Amino acid sequence: MRIKLFDQHFQQAMQVLDQKTKPPRSLGQLESIAAQVSAIQQSLTPDASLARALIFAADHGITASGVSAYPQEVTRQMLLNFAAGGAAINAICHSNQIDLEVINTGVIGEPVPGTVDAKIADGTANMLQAPAMTDAQYLMAIQAGRDAVTRAQEQGISLITVGEMGIGNTTAAAAIVAALCNTSGAMSTGRGTGLDDEGLQHKQQVVEQLLQLYPSREAADVLRCMGGFEIAALCGAMLQCTESKTILVVDGYITTAAALCAVSIDDSVKPHLIFAHQSAEPGHLIALNHLKVTPLLTLDMRLGEGSGAALAVPLIRSAVAILNDMATFESAGVAQEKN
């Protein structure tokens, strides 16, 4: 029912766009984005003026198995950097009038001032030894994502971008993508933060081990056993956006892995998601193709932290402005194409 209602609003918006002073569909993906936002908000005058970037952070026990070029403590150090305003996402948000909220769902150590404390535990379990999360932890992580979207909605935010921070989380994402897209660990696993050839081969072997250890391909099982607190929170945020008519912009590989889970759990989530960019991680294209979506940008980015999603905000705002502000042939007195 939700998808049928979305489609009706989408087609209505496209009909309005066809009356604007331009050749039909000449603005390409911008018109599709405008119609999508219109359908999400169920309004022909949608609003994308207030935006917030949500960055979920957590540590991963799998880093003890040598899958990352960076040590685990970098997760916490980057949270301090976010709070101090020194990261790439801070700069991008500042230049594009995007509010930033960083949510700590499982970073090892004391709470980080300047971030939202939604900590579940000091990182997930090492997935080679036990499932990443218990059932209770999984539900807490999902709720942390839902709560972040609810906070934004209550403050009048209509456009949300999501990102993550967590050393080791490309391993979790690779395992999720391989499991849900029915591909191999070798295909879904990339260099992450910059592994050399030997490190990449080891990481691929770890992902293959995880796929053997956890044979269920139900999305919730895959996410609980091979995911991370921040990935589950991302999934929860996506599920909540569907219920709150909020636009959600998906960042790169890790957030797309969360989207695979969310769409598998509730297929009405997909129309509410805008995919920002295709990252340099090889498994990202596999996930995007599985979801049958085309991202707005291809900039060879692989930073994470929501950087690509934030860069898509000006495009989304421009698409909304076309629907809201552009004259029609009738109002501008411009002759339409001859039949």
Protein backbone atom coordinates (compact mmCIF):
# COMPACT_ATOMS: atom_id res chain seq x y z
CA MET A 1 0.00 0.00 0.00
CA ARG A 2 2.81 2.42 0.90
CA ILE A 3 4.62 1.75 -2.39
CA LYS A 4 1.41 2.20 -4.42
CA LEU A 5 0.72 5.54 -2.71
CA PHE A 6 4.32 6.61 -3.31
CA ASP A 7 4.04 5.76 -7.02
CA GLN A 8 0.85 7.80 -7.35
CA HIS A 9 2.48 10.89 -5.81
CA PHE A 10 5.63 10.37 -7.90
CA GLN A 11 3.68 10.31 -11.18
CA GLN A 12 1.70 13.37 -10.17
CA ALA A 13 4.94 15.29 -9.52
CA MET A 14 6.39 14.17 -12.86
CA GLN A 15 3.30 15.51 -14.62
CA VAL A 16 3.82 18.87 -12.94
CA LEU A 17 7.49 18.87 -13.94
CA ASP A 18 6.53 18.18 -17.55
CA GLN A 19 4.67 21.51 -17.56
CA LYS A 20 7.79 23.47 -16.59
CA THR A 21 9.55 25.64 -19.20
CA LYS A 22 11.92 22.99 -20.55
CA PRO A 23 11.88 20.05 -22.94
CA PRO A 24 10.31 17.04 -21.19
CA ARG A 25 12.74 15.21 -18.86
CA SER A 26 15.64 17.40 -20.02
CA LEU A 27 16.90 17.80 -16.44
CA GLY A 28 17.41 14.06 -16.15
CA GLN A 29 17.99 12.70 -12.65
CA LEU A 30 17.16 16.07 -11.09
CA GLU A 31 13.55 15.61 -12.17
CA SER A 32 13.43 12.10 -10.75
CA ILE A 33 14.86 13.37 -7.46
CA ALA A 34 12.32 16.22 -7.36
CA ALA A 35 9.46 13.77 -7.93
CA GLN A 36 10.88 11.36 -5.34
CA VAL A 37 11.10 14.06 -2.68
CA SER A 38 7.59 15.19 -3.57
CA ALA A 39 6.31 11.63 -3.20
CA ILE A 40 8.12 11.07 0.10
CA GLN A 41 6.57 14.20 1.59
CA GLN A 42 3.27 13.69 -0.29
CA SER A 43 3.38 17.32 -1.35
CA LEU A 44 3.78 19.17 -4.65
CA THR A 45 5.62 21.89 -2.75
CA PRO A 46 8.22 19.82 -0.86
CA ASP A 47 10.78 21.27 1.52
CA ALA A 48 14.48 20.41 1.81
CA SER A 49 15.65 23.59 3.49
CA LEU A 50 16.61 22.07 6.85
CA ALA A 51 19.09 19.21 6.64
CA ARG A 52 20.98 17.17 9.21
CA ALA A 53 23.86 14.73 8.82
CA LEU A 54 23.68 11.78 11.21
CA ILE A 55 26.99 10.02 11.79
CA PHE A 56 26.80 6.75 13.74
CA ALA A 57 30.02 5.44 15.28
CA ALA A 58 31.11 2.17 16.89
CA ASP A 59 34.07 -0.12 17.30
CA HIS A 60 34.32 -3.65 15.92
CA GLY A 61 35.78 -6.69 17.63
CA ILE A 62 36.85 -8.07 14.24
CA THR A 63 39.72 -5.52 14.15
CA ALA A 64 41.58 -7.83 16.53
CA SER A 65 41.87 -10.22 13.57
CA GLY A 66 43.97 -7.76 11.54
CA VAL A 67 41.48 -6.62 8.91
CA SER A 68 42.28 -2.90 9.00
CA ALA A 69 45.32 -0.79 8.20
CA TYR A 70 44.41 1.50 11.11
CA PRO A 71 44.29 0.64 14.83
CA GLN A 72 40.98 0.48 16.67
CA GLU A 73 41.65 3.63 18.71
CA VAL A 74 41.27 5.73 15.55
CA THR A 75 37.47 5.43 15.88
CA ARG A 76 37.52 7.36 19.14
CA GLN A 77 40.13 9.81 17.86
CA MET A 78 37.92 10.61 14.88
CA LEU A 79 34.92 11.19 17.16
CA LEU A 80 37.01 13.77 19.00
CA ASN A 81 37.87 15.29 15.63
CA PHE A 82 34.18 15.46 14.65
CA ALA A 83 33.36 17.14 17.96
CA ALA A 84 36.16 19.66 17.44
CA GLY A 85 34.97 20.47 13.91
CA GLY A 86 38.09 19.26 12.13
CA ALA A 87 36.89 16.43 9.89
CA ALA A 88 35.89 16.46 6.23
CA ILE A 89 32.22 16.04 7.16
CA ASN A 90 32.44 19.15 9.35
CA ALA A 91 33.78 21.21 6.47
CA ILE A 92 31.21 19.90 3.98
CA CYS A 93 28.31 20.41 6.37
CA HIS A 94 29.43 23.94 7.23
CA SER A 95 29.72 24.98 3.59
CA ASN A 96 26.28 23.59 2.73
CA GLN A 97 24.23 24.66 5.78
CA ILE A 98 23.79 21.13 7.12
CA ASP A 99 23.45 20.47 10.82
CA LEU A 100 25.65 17.65 12.16
CA GLU A 101 24.88 15.11 14.88
CA VAL A 102 27.35 12.38 15.84
CA ILE A 103 25.92 9.38 17.69
CA ASN A 104 28.19 7.07 19.67
CA THR A 105 26.62 3.61 19.56
CA GLY A 106 29.62 1.60 20.71
CA VAL A 107 33.01 3.34 20.75
CA ILE A 108 35.42 1.93 23.30
CA GLY A 109 36.09 4.22 26.27
CA GLU A 110 34.36 7.04 28.08
CA PRO A 111 31.63 9.16 26.41
CA VAL A 112 32.95 11.70 23.92
CA PRO A 113 31.87 15.28 24.71
CA GLY A 114 29.97 16.88 21.86
CA THR A 115 28.44 13.61 20.67
CA VAL A 116 25.16 11.87 21.49
CA ASP A 117 25.77 9.01 23.92
CA ALA A 118 23.75 5.99 22.74
CA LYS A 119 26.46 3.50 23.61
CA ILE A 120 25.41 -0.14 23.69
CA ALA A 121 28.75 -1.74 24.58
CA ASP A 122 32.50 -1.30 24.08
CA GLY A 123 32.39 -2.49 20.50
CA THR A 124 30.87 -5.60 18.98
CA ALA A 125 32.20 -9.10 19.58
CA ASN A 126 34.88 -10.54 17.31
CA MET A 127 32.64 -12.16 14.70
CA LEU A 128 35.08 -15.02 14.18
CA GLN A 129 34.38 -16.06 17.77
CA ALA A 130 30.75 -15.08 18.37
CA PRO A 131 27.94 -13.17 16.65
CA ALA A 132 28.67 -9.44 16.53
CA MET A 133 25.61 -8.61 18.65
CA THR A 134 23.26 -10.30 21.03
CA ASP A 135 19.55 -10.07 20.26
CA ALA A 136 19.16 -7.33 22.87
CA GLN A 137 22.10 -5.33 21.54
CA TYR A 138 20.78 -5.59 18.00
CA LEU A 139 17.41 -4.17 19.03
CA MET A 140 19.10 -1.36 20.99
CA ALA A 141 21.15 -0.41 17.94
CA ILE A 142 18.10 -0.37 15.66
CA GLN A 143 16.33 1.87 18.19
CA ALA A 144 19.31 4.26 18.37
CA GLY A 145 18.88 4.91 14.66
CA ARG A 146 15.13 5.36 14.97
CA ASP A 147 15.60 7.78 17.87
CA ALA A 148 18.05 9.94 15.91
CA VAL A 149 15.55 10.36 13.07
CA THR A 150 12.75 11.11 15.52
CA ARG A 151 14.88 13.84 17.16
CA ALA A 152 15.50 15.41 13.78
CA GLN A 153 11.85 15.25 12.77
CA GLU A 154 10.74 16.86 16.04
CA GLN A 155 13.10 19.74 15.27
CA GLY A 156 11.65 20.31 11.81
CA ILE A 157 14.40 18.55 9.84
CA SER A 158 13.03 17.12 6.59
CA LEU A 159 16.26 16.01 4.88
CA ILE A 160 18.65 13.58 6.57
CA THR A 161 21.99 12.28 5.36
CA VAL A 162 23.62 9.32 7.06
CA GLY A 163 27.19 8.18 7.50
CA GLU A 164 29.38 6.16 9.83
CA MET A 165 32.70 5.86 11.58
CA GLY A 166 34.15 2.58 12.79
CA ILE A 167 37.52 0.99 12.16
CA GLY A 168 36.82 -2.49 10.78
CA ASN A 169 33.38 -1.73 9.41
CA THR A 170 34.25 -2.35 5.75
CA THR A 171 34.78 -5.99 6.76
CA ALA A 172 31.30 -6.07 8.27
CA ALA A 173 29.85 -4.38 5.18
CA ALA A 174 31.62 -6.82 2.85
CA ALA A 175 30.18 -9.77 4.75
CA ILE A 176 26.66 -8.29 4.68
CA VAL A 177 26.86 -7.53 0.94
CA ALA A 178 28.23 -10.97 0.09
CA ALA A 179 25.49 -12.64 2.14
CA LEU A 180 22.55 -10.60 0.85
CA CYS A 181 23.74 -10.29 -2.75
CA ASN A 182 24.78 -13.94 -3.03
CA THR A 183 28.35 -13.20 -4.03
CA SER A 184 31.77 -14.18 -2.71
CA GLY A 185 33.88 -12.49 -0.07
CA ALA A 186 36.56 -11.92 -2.69
CA MET A 187 34.11 -9.94 -4.84
CA SER A 188 32.63 -7.85 -2.02
CA THR A 189 35.83 -7.06 -0.11
CA GLY A 190 38.06 -4.08 -0.90
CA ARG A 191 41.06 -2.37 0.62
CA GLY A 192 39.04 -0.27 3.07
CA THR A 193 41.39 2.22 4.72
CA GLY A 194 44.26 1.22 2.43
CA LEU A 195 45.35 -2.40 2.92
CA ASP A 196 48.23 -3.76 0.85
CA ASP A 197 47.83 -6.90 -1.27
CA GLU A 198 48.65 -9.24 1.59
CA GLY A 199 46.24 -7.43 3.91
CA LEU A 200 43.49 -7.52 1.29
CA GLN A 201 43.89 -11.26 0.80
CA HIS A 202 43.67 -11.84 4.55
CA LYS A 203 40.57 -9.65 4.81
CA GLN A 204 38.90 -11.57 1.98
CA GLN A 205 39.65 -14.85 3.73
CA VAL A 206 38.12 -13.50 6.96
CA VAL A 207 34.92 -12.53 5.13
CA GLU A 208 34.73 -16.01 3.57
CA GLN A 209 35.09 -17.52 7.05
CA LEU A 210 32.26 -15.35 8.34
CA LEU A 211 29.98 -16.43 5.51
CA GLN A 212 30.61 -20.06 6.46
CA LEU A 213 30.16 -19.42 10.19
CA TYR A 214 26.80 -17.68 9.78
CA PRO A 215 24.79 -19.44 7.05
CA SER A 216 21.43 -17.64 7.57
CA ARG A 217 20.62 -15.15 4.82
CA GLU A 218 17.73 -13.48 6.62
CA ALA A 219 18.62 -9.79 6.78
CA ALA A 220 18.14 -9.42 10.54
CA ASP A 221 20.32 -12.47 11.20
CA VAL A 222 23.00 -11.26 8.79
CA LEU A 223 23.05 -7.82 10.39
CA ARG A 224 23.12 -9.13 13.96
CA CYS A 225 25.81 -11.74 13.35
CA MET A 226 28.09 -9.92 10.90
CA GLY A 227 27.24 -6.23 11.26
CA GLY A 228 28.07 -3.50 13.72
CA PHE A 229 26.22 -1.28 16.16
CA GLU A 230 26.53 1.68 13.80
CA ILE A 231 25.35 -0.36 10.79
CA ALA A 232 22.30 -1.58 12.69
CA ALA A 233 21.61 2.01 13.78
CA LEU A 234 21.80 3.11 10.13
CA CYS A 235 19.27 0.40 9.30
CA GLY A 236 17.00 1.64 12.10
CA ALA A 237 17.24 5.21 10.81
CA MET A 238 16.14 4.06 7.36
CA LEU A 239 13.21 2.12 8.78
CA GLN A 240 12.11 5.17 10.78
CA CYS A 241 12.35 7.52 7.78
CA THR A 242 9.77 5.43 5.98
CA GLU A 243 7.33 5.95 8.82
CA SER A 244 8.02 9.69 9.20
CA LYS A 245 7.99 10.84 5.53
CA THR A 246 11.60 11.98 5.88
CA ILE A 247 14.08 12.07 3.00
CA LEU A 248 17.16 9.96 3.74
CA VAL A 249 20.36 10.21 1.71
CA VAL A 250 22.56 7.10 1.73
CA ASP A 251 26.33 7.61 1.70
CA GLY A 252 28.81 4.96 0.57
CA TYR A 253 29.58 1.28 1.01
CA ILE A 254 28.78 0.79 4.68
CA THR A 255 25.54 2.76 4.56
CA THR A 256 24.49 0.91 1.41
CA ALA A 257 25.09 -2.37 3.24
CA ALA A 258 22.69 -1.07 5.90
CA ALA A 259 20.23 -0.15 3.14
CA LEU A 260 20.34 -3.72 1.83
CA CYS A 261 19.26 -4.88 5.28
CA ALA A 262 16.56 -2.23 5.67
CA VAL A 263 15.04 -2.89 2.24
CA SER A 264 15.11 -6.63 2.86
CA ILE A 265 13.31 -6.14 6.19
CA ASP A 266 10.74 -3.68 4.73
CA ASP A 267 10.60 -3.16 0.96
CA SER A 268 8.68 0.12 1.38
CA VAL A 269 11.96 1.67 2.63
CA LYS A 270 13.60 1.78 -0.79
CA PRO A 271 11.54 4.64 -2.36
CA HIS A 272 12.49 6.86 0.61
CA LEU A 273 16.22 6.48 0.00
CA ILE A 274 18.36 8.67 -2.26
CA PHE A 275 21.75 7.13 -3.03
CA ALA A 276 24.42 9.79 -3.05
CA HIS A 277 27.48 8.30 -4.69
CA GLN A 278 29.31 5.21 -5.88
CA SER A 279 32.43 4.71 -3.81
CA ALA A 280 35.73 3.17 -4.85
CA GLU A 281 35.04 0.00 -2.81
CA PRO A 282 34.35 -2.84 -5.31
CA GLY A 283 31.48 -4.30 -3.32
CA HIS A 284 29.56 -1.03 -3.44
CA LEU A 285 28.63 -1.43 -7.11
CA ILE A 286 27.46 -4.98 -6.37
CA ALA A 287 25.13 -3.65 -3.66
CA LEU A 288 23.85 -0.77 -5.80
CA ASN A 289 23.14 -3.12 -8.71
CA HIS A 290 21.35 -5.53 -6.38
CA LEU A 291 19.12 -2.69 -5.20
CA LYS A 292 18.69 -1.50 -8.81
CA VAL A 293 19.56 2.10 -7.95
CA THR A 294 21.71 4.75 -9.63
CA PRO A 295 23.64 7.10 -7.34
CA LEU A 296 23.88 10.81 -8.07
CA LEU A 297 27.68 11.10 -8.00
CA THR A 298 30.79 9.11 -8.88
CA LEU A 299 33.81 10.84 -7.36
CA ASP A 300 36.04 7.85 -6.42
CA MET A 301 35.45 8.62 -2.75
CA ARG A 302 35.99 6.04 0.00
CA LEU A 303 36.28 8.19 3.11
CA GLY A 304 32.95 7.36 4.72
CA GLU A 305 31.68 9.58 7.57
CA GLY A 306 28.76 10.66 5.41
CA SER A 307 30.91 12.86 3.17
CA GLY A 308 29.36 11.80 -0.14
CA ALA A 309 25.81 12.02 1.20
CA ALA A 310 26.37 15.58 2.40
CA LEU A 311 27.73 16.54 -1.03
CA ALA A 312 24.45 15.41 -2.59
CA VAL A 313 22.37 17.87 -0.53
CA PRO A 314 22.85 20.85 -2.91
CA LEU A 315 21.67 18.68 -5.81
CA ILE A 316 18.57 17.61 -3.89
CA ARG A 317 17.80 21.19 -2.89
CA SER A 318 18.21 22.27 -6.52
CA ALA A 319 15.81 19.53 -7.63
CA VAL A 320 13.23 20.70 -5.10
CA ALA A 321 13.66 24.31 -6.27
CA ILE A 322 12.91 23.25 -9.85
CA LEU A 323 9.59 21.78 -8.76
CA ASN A 324 8.72 24.68 -6.45
CA ASP A 325 10.04 27.74 -8.27
CA MET A 326 10.33 27.07 -12.00
CA ALA A 327 7.63 28.64 -14.18
CA THR A 328 5.21 26.58 -16.25
CA PHE A 329 4.69 27.14 -19.97
CA GLU A 330 1.29 28.64 -19.17
CA SER A 331 2.43 31.00 -16.41
CA ALA A 332 5.42 32.21 -18.43
CA GLY A 333 3.54 32.54 -21.69
CA VAL A 334 6.00 30.22 -23.48
CA ALA A 335 4.81 28.07 -26.37
CA GLN A 336 5.06 24.33 -25.83
CA GLU A 337 6.49 21.76 -28.22
CA LYS A 338 4.25 21.12 -31.22
CA ASN A 339 2.50 17.75 -31.27
